[in-house]
Structure formats: C-alpha cells, structure tokens
Amino acid sequence: MATYVITIPGTFLQEITDTARTTLLRQLRPADPKQTAFGEAEDLDLLTVNENGTFSIRLEVEADDIRGAEEHAKATASAALRDAGFSDRTAPLGPATVTGIDTGA
C-alpha cells in the first residue's frame, strides 16, 4: 500500500459561501496533503478556488494502486462537496490526477 497525493479539479457553478467553504474544508481536513512530506515540501493547499469558480482539491489517500487512489479521492471529494451543499451539477469534478506518491521505501 502507498500514500498518494491526488489533485481533483472542478468548477463551482453556484457561489461558494463562507459557510460552505468552512464545511468543505472541515470534511476534507483528515485527507490534507500537508500531512505528507511531499505535501509539506510542495506547500500544497487542500482547496484552491479561483475567481472564475474553478477549483482544485488536493487529498492524501492510501491505496494499493493509482486507480484505487484516484477513485478514493474522488469519492472523498464528492462526499465533502455534498455535505457542503453542492451536487454533481453545481460543482462538477474533472479527472483526478496523481500529484505525488510515497511508497515508504
């Protein structure tokens, strides 16, 4: 099993309020990549939101392979977005990509 840092892009099609942002960050905090040496060294933010509504979520997940890591990260991000009041329509996600891998070796 390895630790992966996964980046997931998306777009907020409705405004993200301060309350929604707080809820989203609280839900994602356990998977904050700054807890990894890679995330800390790269100074990766858990959530980046641009003025045009596009965003990136960066998560640390453990998985047996890249595909499993990407699926786990997308499921985590989708659940956090739902808890913050967003649906797949109001905050669609793009393809997850691996930003870093720590095999512990």
N, C-alpha and C. Protein backbone atom coordinates (compact mmCIF):
# COMPACT_ATOMS: atom_id res chain seq x y z
N MET A 1 0.85 -1.17 0.00
CA MET A 1 0.00 0.00 0.00
C MET A 1 0.90 1.24 0.00
N ALA A 2 0.45 2.25 -0.70
CA ALA A 2 1.22 3.51 -0.81
C ALA A 2 0.32 4.69 -0.46
N THR A 3 0.96 5.80 -0.16
CA THR A 3 0.25 7.04 0.08
C THR A 3 0.35 7.89 -1.17
N TYR A 4 -0.78 8.37 -1.63
CA TYR A 4 -0.85 9.18 -2.85
C TYR A 4 -1.38 10.56 -2.51
N VAL A 5 -0.88 11.56 -3.20
CA VAL A 5 -1.50 12.89 -3.18
C VAL A 5 -2.20 13.03 -4.52
N ILE A 6 -3.50 13.25 -4.46
CA ILE A 6 -4.35 13.32 -5.65
C ILE A 6 -4.91 14.73 -5.79
N THR A 7 -4.87 15.27 -7.00
CA THR A 7 -5.47 16.57 -7.29
C THR A 7 -6.70 16.35 -8.15
N ILE A 8 -7.80 17.00 -7.73
CA ILE A 8 -9.06 16.90 -8.46
C ILE A 8 -9.53 18.31 -8.81
N PRO A 9 -9.64 18.62 -10.09
CA PRO A 9 -10.17 19.93 -10.49
C PRO A 9 -11.69 19.90 -10.52
N GLY A 10 -12.27 21.08 -10.46
CA GLY A 10 -13.72 21.19 -10.57
C GLY A 10 -14.12 22.63 -10.81
N THR A 11 -15.43 22.84 -10.90
CA THR A 11 -15.97 24.18 -11.11
C THR A 11 -17.21 24.36 -10.25
N PHE A 12 -17.20 25.44 -9.47
CA PHE A 12 -18.40 25.81 -8.73
C PHE A 12 -19.31 26.57 -9.67
N LEU A 13 -20.49 26.03 -9.93
CA LEU A 13 -21.45 26.69 -10.80
C LEU A 13 -22.46 27.51 -10.00
N GLN A 14 -22.33 27.48 -8.70
CA GLN A 14 -23.05 28.38 -7.81
C GLN A 14 -22.01 28.91 -6.83
N GLU A 15 -22.28 30.07 -6.28
CA GLU A 15 -21.32 30.72 -5.40
C GLU A 15 -21.00 29.86 -4.18
N ILE A 16 -19.74 29.80 -3.81
CA ILE A 16 -19.35 29.12 -2.58
C ILE A 16 -19.34 30.14 -1.45
N THR A 17 -20.22 29.93 -0.49
CA THR A 17 -20.32 30.85 0.65
C THR A 17 -19.24 30.52 1.67
N ASP A 18 -19.04 31.42 2.61
CA ASP A 18 -18.07 31.17 3.68
C ASP A 18 -18.45 29.92 4.48
N THR A 19 -19.75 29.76 4.72
CA THR A 19 -20.22 28.59 5.46
C THR A 19 -19.94 27.31 4.69
N ALA A 20 -20.23 27.30 3.39
CA ALA A 20 -19.97 26.13 2.56
C ALA A 20 -18.48 25.82 2.51
N ARG A 21 -17.64 26.84 2.40
CA ARG A 21 -16.19 26.65 2.36
C ARG A 21 -15.71 26.03 3.68
N THR A 22 -16.21 26.54 4.79
CA THR A 22 -15.83 26.02 6.10
C THR A 22 -16.23 24.55 6.24
N THR A 23 -17.44 24.22 5.82
CA THR A 23 -17.91 22.84 5.88
C THR A 23 -17.07 21.95 4.99
N LEU A 24 -16.79 22.39 3.78
CA LEU A 24 -15.99 21.62 2.84
C LEU A 24 -14.60 21.35 3.41
N LEU A 25 -13.96 22.38 3.92
CA LEU A 25 -12.61 22.21 4.47
C LEU A 25 -12.62 21.29 5.69
N ARG A 26 -13.64 21.40 6.52
CA ARG A 26 -13.74 20.53 7.71
C ARG A 26 -13.87 19.06 7.28
N GLN A 27 -14.66 18.81 6.24
CA GLN A 27 -14.86 17.44 5.77
C GLN A 27 -13.60 16.87 5.10
N LEU A 28 -12.84 17.74 4.46
CA LEU A 28 -11.64 17.29 3.75
C LEU A 28 -10.40 17.23 4.64
N ARG A 29 -10.41 17.92 5.77
CA ARG A 29 -9.22 18.07 6.62
C ARG A 29 -8.49 16.76 6.93
N PRO A 30 -9.19 15.65 7.21
CA PRO A 30 -8.46 14.41 7.51
C PRO A 30 -7.56 13.93 6.36
N ALA A 31 -7.84 14.36 5.14
CA ALA A 31 -7.06 13.94 3.99
C ALA A 31 -6.13 15.05 3.49
N ASP A 32 -5.84 16.03 4.35
CA ASP A 32 -4.99 17.17 3.98
C ASP A 32 -3.59 16.69 3.59
N PRO A 33 -3.14 17.00 2.37
CA PRO A 33 -1.82 16.51 1.93
C PRO A 33 -0.65 17.14 2.67
N LYS A 34 -0.87 18.22 3.41
CA LYS A 34 0.24 18.82 4.17
C LYS A 34 0.74 17.88 5.26
N GLN A 35 -0.01 16.80 5.51
CA GLN A 35 0.41 15.81 6.49
C GLN A 35 1.50 14.90 5.93
N THR A 36 1.73 14.96 4.62
CA THR A 36 2.78 14.15 4.00
C THR A 36 4.02 15.00 3.78
N ALA A 37 5.16 14.35 3.71
CA ALA A 37 6.41 15.07 3.45
C ALA A 37 6.32 15.77 2.10
N PHE A 38 5.73 15.10 1.10
CA PHE A 38 5.60 15.69 -0.23
C PHE A 38 4.69 16.92 -0.17
N GLY A 39 3.54 16.80 0.47
CA GLY A 39 2.60 17.91 0.54
C GLY A 39 3.17 19.10 1.28
N GLU A 40 3.91 18.82 2.35
CA GLU A 40 4.53 19.90 3.12
C GLU A 40 5.62 20.59 2.30
N ALA A 41 6.45 19.80 1.64
CA ALA A 41 7.55 20.36 0.84
C ALA A 41 7.02 21.19 -0.32
N GLU A 42 5.94 20.74 -0.92
CA GLU A 42 5.36 21.44 -2.08
C GLU A 42 4.39 22.54 -1.65
N ASP A 43 4.12 22.64 -0.35
CA ASP A 43 3.17 23.62 0.19
C ASP A 43 1.82 23.53 -0.52
N LEU A 44 1.30 22.31 -0.59
CA LEU A 44 0.03 22.07 -1.26
C LEU A 44 -1.14 22.50 -0.39
N ASP A 45 -2.03 23.29 -0.96
CA ASP A 45 -3.25 23.68 -0.26
C ASP A 45 -4.31 22.62 -0.49
N LEU A 46 -5.11 22.37 0.53
CA LEU A 46 -6.20 21.42 0.44
C LEU A 46 -7.23 21.84 -0.60
N LEU A 47 -7.54 23.14 -0.63
CA LEU A 47 -8.53 23.68 -1.56
C LEU A 47 -8.05 25.01 -2.11
N THR A 48 -8.06 25.12 -3.42
CA THR A 48 -7.75 26.38 -4.09
C THR A 48 -8.96 26.75 -4.94
N VAL A 49 -9.49 27.95 -4.73
CA VAL A 49 -10.64 28.42 -5.50
C VAL A 49 -10.22 29.68 -6.26
N ASN A 50 -10.43 29.67 -7.57
CA ASN A 50 -10.11 30.82 -8.41
C ASN A 50 -11.32 31.73 -8.57
N GLU A 51 -11.06 32.96 -9.00
CA GLU A 51 -12.13 33.96 -9.15
C GLU A 51 -13.22 33.53 -10.12
N ASN A 52 -12.88 32.70 -11.09
CA ASN A 52 -13.87 32.28 -12.09
C ASN A 52 -14.67 31.06 -11.66
N GLY A 53 -14.48 30.60 -10.40
CA GLY A 53 -15.24 29.48 -9.88
C GLY A 53 -14.57 28.13 -10.04
N THR A 54 -13.48 28.07 -10.79
CA THR A 54 -12.77 26.81 -10.88
C THR A 54 -12.04 26.56 -9.57
N PHE A 55 -11.84 25.28 -9.26
CA PHE A 55 -11.16 24.95 -8.01
C PHE A 55 -10.33 23.68 -8.18
N SER A 56 -9.44 23.48 -7.23
CA SER A 56 -8.66 22.24 -7.14
C SER A 56 -8.70 21.77 -5.70
N ILE A 57 -8.95 20.47 -5.54
CA ILE A 57 -8.90 19.83 -4.24
C ILE A 57 -7.72 18.88 -4.27
N ARG A 58 -6.87 18.94 -3.23
CA ARG A 58 -5.71 18.05 -3.15
C ARG A 58 -5.87 17.21 -1.89
N LEU A 59 -5.84 15.89 -2.07
CA LEU A 59 -6.07 14.97 -0.97
C LEU A 59 -4.97 13.93 -0.86
N GLU A 60 -4.70 13.51 0.37
CA GLU A 60 -3.81 12.38 0.63
C GLU A 60 -4.68 11.15 0.86
N VAL A 61 -4.41 10.08 0.14
CA VAL A 61 -5.14 8.83 0.32
C VAL A 61 -4.17 7.66 0.30
N GLU A 62 -4.56 6.58 0.96
CA GLU A 62 -3.77 5.35 0.90
C GLU A 62 -4.52 4.37 0.03
N ALA A 63 -3.78 3.71 -0.85
CA ALA A 63 -4.39 2.75 -1.76
C ALA A 63 -3.34 1.78 -2.26
N ASP A 64 -3.81 0.68 -2.84
CA ASP A 64 -2.90 -0.33 -3.40
C ASP A 64 -2.34 0.09 -4.74
N ASP A 65 -3.09 0.94 -5.47
CA ASP A 65 -2.63 1.34 -6.79
C ASP A 65 -3.20 2.72 -7.14
N ILE A 66 -2.73 3.26 -8.26
CA ILE A 66 -3.13 4.60 -8.68
C ILE A 66 -4.64 4.69 -8.91
N ARG A 67 -5.18 3.72 -9.60
CA ARG A 67 -6.63 3.74 -9.89
C ARG A 67 -7.45 3.78 -8.61
N GLY A 68 -7.08 2.96 -7.64
CA GLY A 68 -7.78 2.94 -6.36
C GLY A 68 -7.64 4.27 -5.63
N ALA A 69 -6.46 4.87 -5.72
CA ALA A 69 -6.22 6.16 -5.06
C ALA A 69 -7.09 7.25 -5.68
N GLU A 70 -7.15 7.27 -7.01
CA GLU A 70 -7.97 8.28 -7.70
C GLU A 70 -9.45 8.11 -7.37
N GLU A 71 -9.93 6.87 -7.35
CA GLU A 71 -11.34 6.61 -7.03
C GLU A 71 -11.66 7.00 -5.60
N HIS A 72 -10.77 6.66 -4.68
CA HIS A 72 -10.97 7.00 -3.27
C HIS A 72 -11.01 8.52 -3.08
N ALA A 73 -10.09 9.22 -3.72
CA ALA A 73 -10.02 10.68 -3.60
C ALA A 73 -11.29 11.33 -4.18
N LYS A 74 -11.75 10.86 -5.32
CA LYS A 74 -12.96 11.43 -5.92
C LYS A 74 -14.18 11.18 -5.05
N ALA A 75 -14.26 10.00 -4.45
CA ALA A 75 -15.38 9.70 -3.56
C ALA A 75 -15.34 10.60 -2.33
N THR A 76 -14.15 10.82 -1.78
CA THR A 76 -14.00 11.69 -0.62
C THR A 76 -14.38 13.12 -0.97
N ALA A 77 -13.91 13.61 -2.10
CA ALA A 77 -14.22 14.98 -2.53
C ALA A 77 -15.72 15.14 -2.80
N SER A 78 -16.32 14.17 -3.47
CA SER A 78 -17.76 14.24 -3.78
C SER A 78 -18.60 14.27 -2.51
N ALA A 79 -18.25 13.43 -1.54
CA ALA A 79 -18.99 13.40 -0.28
C ALA A 79 -18.85 14.72 0.47
N ALA A 80 -17.65 15.28 0.49
CA ALA A 80 -17.43 16.56 1.17
C ALA A 80 -18.20 17.68 0.49
N LEU A 81 -18.22 17.68 -0.83
CA LEU A 81 -18.97 18.69 -1.57
C LEU A 81 -20.47 18.57 -1.28
N ARG A 82 -20.99 17.34 -1.23
CA ARG A 82 -22.41 17.14 -0.90
C ARG A 82 -22.72 17.68 0.49
N ASP A 83 -21.83 17.38 1.46
CA ASP A 83 -22.03 17.88 2.82
C ASP A 83 -22.02 19.40 2.87
N ALA A 84 -21.31 20.02 1.94
CA ALA A 84 -21.22 21.49 1.89
C ALA A 84 -22.36 22.10 1.06
N GLY A 85 -23.27 21.25 0.54
CA GLY A 85 -24.44 21.75 -0.17
C GLY A 85 -24.32 21.78 -1.68
N PHE A 86 -23.33 21.10 -2.24
CA PHE A 86 -23.14 21.07 -3.69
C PHE A 86 -23.50 19.69 -4.24
N SER A 87 -24.03 19.69 -5.44
CA SER A 87 -24.34 18.44 -6.14
C SER A 87 -23.34 18.26 -7.28
N ASP A 88 -23.47 17.14 -7.99
CA ASP A 88 -22.62 16.92 -9.17
C ASP A 88 -22.88 17.98 -10.24
N ARG A 89 -24.07 18.55 -10.23
CA ARG A 89 -24.42 19.59 -11.20
C ARG A 89 -23.87 20.96 -10.80
N THR A 90 -23.86 21.27 -9.51
CA THR A 90 -23.44 22.60 -9.07
C THR A 90 -21.94 22.70 -8.78
N ALA A 91 -21.27 21.54 -8.72
CA ALA A 91 -19.81 21.53 -8.55
C ALA A 91 -19.24 20.28 -9.21
N PRO A 92 -19.32 20.24 -10.57
CA PRO A 92 -18.80 19.06 -11.26
C PRO A 92 -17.29 18.94 -11.09
N LEU A 93 -16.84 17.69 -11.00
CA LEU A 93 -15.41 17.40 -10.84
C LEU A 93 -14.82 16.92 -12.16
N GLY A 94 -13.56 17.25 -12.36
CA GLY A 94 -12.82 16.76 -13.52
C GLY A 94 -12.07 15.50 -13.14
N PRO A 95 -11.21 15.03 -14.04
CA PRO A 95 -10.46 13.80 -13.77
C PRO A 95 -9.42 14.00 -12.67
N ALA A 96 -9.33 13.01 -11.79
CA ALA A 96 -8.34 13.03 -10.72
C ALA A 96 -6.96 12.68 -11.30
N THR A 97 -5.93 13.32 -10.77
CA THR A 97 -4.57 13.02 -11.22
C THR A 97 -3.66 12.85 -10.01
N VAL A 98 -2.65 12.02 -10.16
CA VAL A 98 -1.69 11.81 -9.10
C VAL A 98 -0.70 12.96 -9.09
N THR A 99 -0.56 13.59 -7.93
CA THR A 99 0.38 14.69 -7.76
C THR A 99 1.66 14.20 -7.08
N GLY A 100 1.55 13.14 -6.29
CA GLY A 100 2.72 12.59 -5.62
C GLY A 100 2.45 11.20 -5.09
N ILE A 101 3.53 10.43 -4.91
CA ILE A 101 3.43 9.07 -4.39
C ILE A 101 4.51 8.88 -3.34
N ASP A 102 4.13 8.31 -2.19
CA ASP A 102 5.08 7.96 -1.14
C ASP A 102 4.88 6.48 -0.83
N THR A 103 5.82 5.67 -1.28
CA THR A 103 5.72 4.22 -1.07
C THR A 103 6.30 3.80 0.27
N GLY A 104 6.93 4.74 0.97
CA GLY A 104 7.51 4.42 2.25
C GLY A 104 8.84 3.69 2.13
N ALA A 105 9.30 3.50 0.94
CA ALA A 105 10.57 2.79 0.73
C ALA A 105 11.75 3.73 0.75
